[in-house]
C-alpha atoms as a PDB file:
ATOM      1  CA  MET A   1     -12.630   2.687   8.603  1.00  0.00           C
ATOM      2  CA  LEU A   2     -11.502   5.170   5.990  1.00  0.00           C
ATOM      3  CA  THR A   3     -11.985   8.887   5.512  1.00  0.00           C
ATOM      4  CA  GLN A   4     -11.986  10.505   2.068  1.00  0.00           C
ATOM      5  CA  GLN A   5     -10.561  14.020   1.783  1.00  0.00           C
ATOM      6  CA  LEU A   6     -12.096  16.700  -0.458  1.00  0.00           C
ATOM      7  CA  ASP A   7      -9.286  16.197  -2.990  1.00  0.00           C
ATOM      8  CA  GLY A   8     -10.091  12.460  -3.222  1.00  0.00           C
ATOM      9  CA  ARG A   9      -7.274  11.087  -1.069  1.00  0.00           C
ATOM     10  CA  VAL A  10      -8.286   8.315   1.322  1.00  0.00           C
ATOM     11  CA  TYR A  11      -6.836   7.931   4.826  1.00  0.00           C
ATOM     12  CA  PRO A  12      -7.536   5.691   7.793  1.00  0.00           C
ATOM     13  CA  ASN A  13      -9.684   7.333  10.464  1.00  0.00           C
ATOM     14  CA  SER A  14      -6.604   7.473  12.677  1.00  0.00           C
ATOM     15  CA  GLN A  15      -5.045   9.950  10.187  1.00  0.00           C
ATOM     16  CA  SER A  16      -1.771   8.148  10.901  1.00  0.00           C
ATOM     17  CA  ALA A  17       0.870   7.282   8.302  1.00  0.00           C
ATOM     18  CA  LYS A  18       1.861   4.381  10.543  1.00  0.00           C
ATOM     19  CA  SER A  19      -1.559   2.794   9.988  1.00  0.00           C
ATOM     20  CA  VAL A  20      -1.069   2.971   6.218  1.00  0.00           C
ATOM     21  CA  PHE A  21       2.413   1.441   6.543  1.00  0.00           C
ATOM     22  CA  GLU A  22       1.075  -1.407   8.696  1.00  0.00           C
ATOM     23  CA  VAL A  23      -1.656  -2.300   6.173  1.00  0.00           C
ATOM     24  CA  PHE A  24       0.803  -2.323   3.260  1.00  0.00           C
ATOM     25  CA  SER A  25       3.307  -4.361   5.276  1.00  0.00           C
ATOM     26  CA  LEU A  26       0.753  -7.038   6.137  1.00  0.00           C
ATOM     27  CA  ARG A  27      -0.395  -7.346   2.512  1.00  0.00           C
ATOM     28  CA  LEU A  28       3.152  -7.480   1.145  1.00  0.00           C
ATOM     29  CA  GLU A  29       4.338 -10.078   3.649  1.00  0.00           C
ATOM     30  CA  GLY A  30       1.394 -12.312   2.717  1.00  0.00           C
ATOM     31  CA  GLY A  31       2.277 -11.984  -0.975  1.00  0.00           C
ATOM     32  CA  LYS A  32       5.852 -13.298  -0.808  1.00  0.00           C
ATOM     33  CA  VAL A  33       7.399  -9.831  -1.057  1.00  0.00           C
ATOM     34  CA  ARG A  34      10.629  -9.253   0.836  1.00  0.00           C
ATOM     35  CA  ILE A  35      10.813  -5.912   2.630  1.00  0.00           C
ATOM     36  CA  HIS A  36      14.177  -4.176   3.106  1.00  0.00           C
ATOM     37  CA  LEU A  37      14.331  -1.031   5.220  1.00  0.00           C
ATOM     38  CA  GLU A  38      16.942   1.577   6.064  1.00  0.00           C
ATOM     39  CA  GLY A  39      18.741   1.611   2.697  1.00  0.00           C
ATOM     40  CA  GLU A  40      18.898   4.153  -0.114  1.00  0.00           C
ATOM     41  CA  VAL A  41      17.705   2.929  -3.524  1.00  0.00           C
ATOM     42  CA  LEU A  42      20.429   3.533  -6.102  1.00  0.00           C
ATOM     43  CA  LYS A  43      19.042   1.787  -9.183  1.00  0.00           C
ATOM     44  CA  ILE A  44      16.061  -0.283 -10.366  1.00  0.00           C
ATOM     45  CA  HIS A  45      16.398  -2.664 -13.320  1.00  0.00           C
ATOM     46  CA  LYS A  46      13.872  -4.920 -15.050  1.00  0.00           C
ATOM     47  CA  ASP A  47      14.713  -7.891 -17.229  1.00  0.00           C
ATOM     48  CA  SER A  48      12.093  -9.827 -19.186  1.00  0.00           C
ATOM     49  CA  LYS A  49      10.524 -11.338 -16.040  1.00  0.00           C
ATOM     50  CA  HIS A  50      11.880  -9.703 -12.864  1.00  0.00           C
ATOM     51  CA  PHE A  51      12.685  -6.401 -11.215  1.00  0.00           C
ATOM     52  CA  PHE A  52      16.009  -5.888  -9.442  1.00  0.00           C
ATOM     53  CA  MET A  53      16.784  -3.128  -6.992  1.00  0.00           C
ATOM     54  CA  GLN A  54      20.250  -2.010  -6.022  1.00  0.00           C
ATOM     55  CA  SER A  55      20.548  -0.190  -2.707  1.00  0.00           C
ATOM     56  CA  THR A  56      23.268   0.877  -0.336  1.00  0.00           C
ATOM     57  CA  LYS A  57      22.635  -2.464   1.433  1.00  0.00           C
ATOM     58  CA  GLY A  58      22.820  -4.825  -1.576  1.00  0.00           C
ATOM     59  CA  ILE A  59      21.092  -6.016  -4.744  1.00  0.00           C
ATOM     60  CA  TYR A  60      17.661  -7.627  -4.449  1.00  0.00           C
END
């Protein structure tokens, strides 16, 4: 269940950021998106078809 704030923002009833993270994680994993944590993003580049992200952990 969701709760809408007066300013229009929508949150899970738990009011927990962890709940939001879990929902996004499940959807991304099902959509062939690789998730990399614990690295600082240094640069994002797009060519004609793809996005590339350079972080302190590597280039993806």
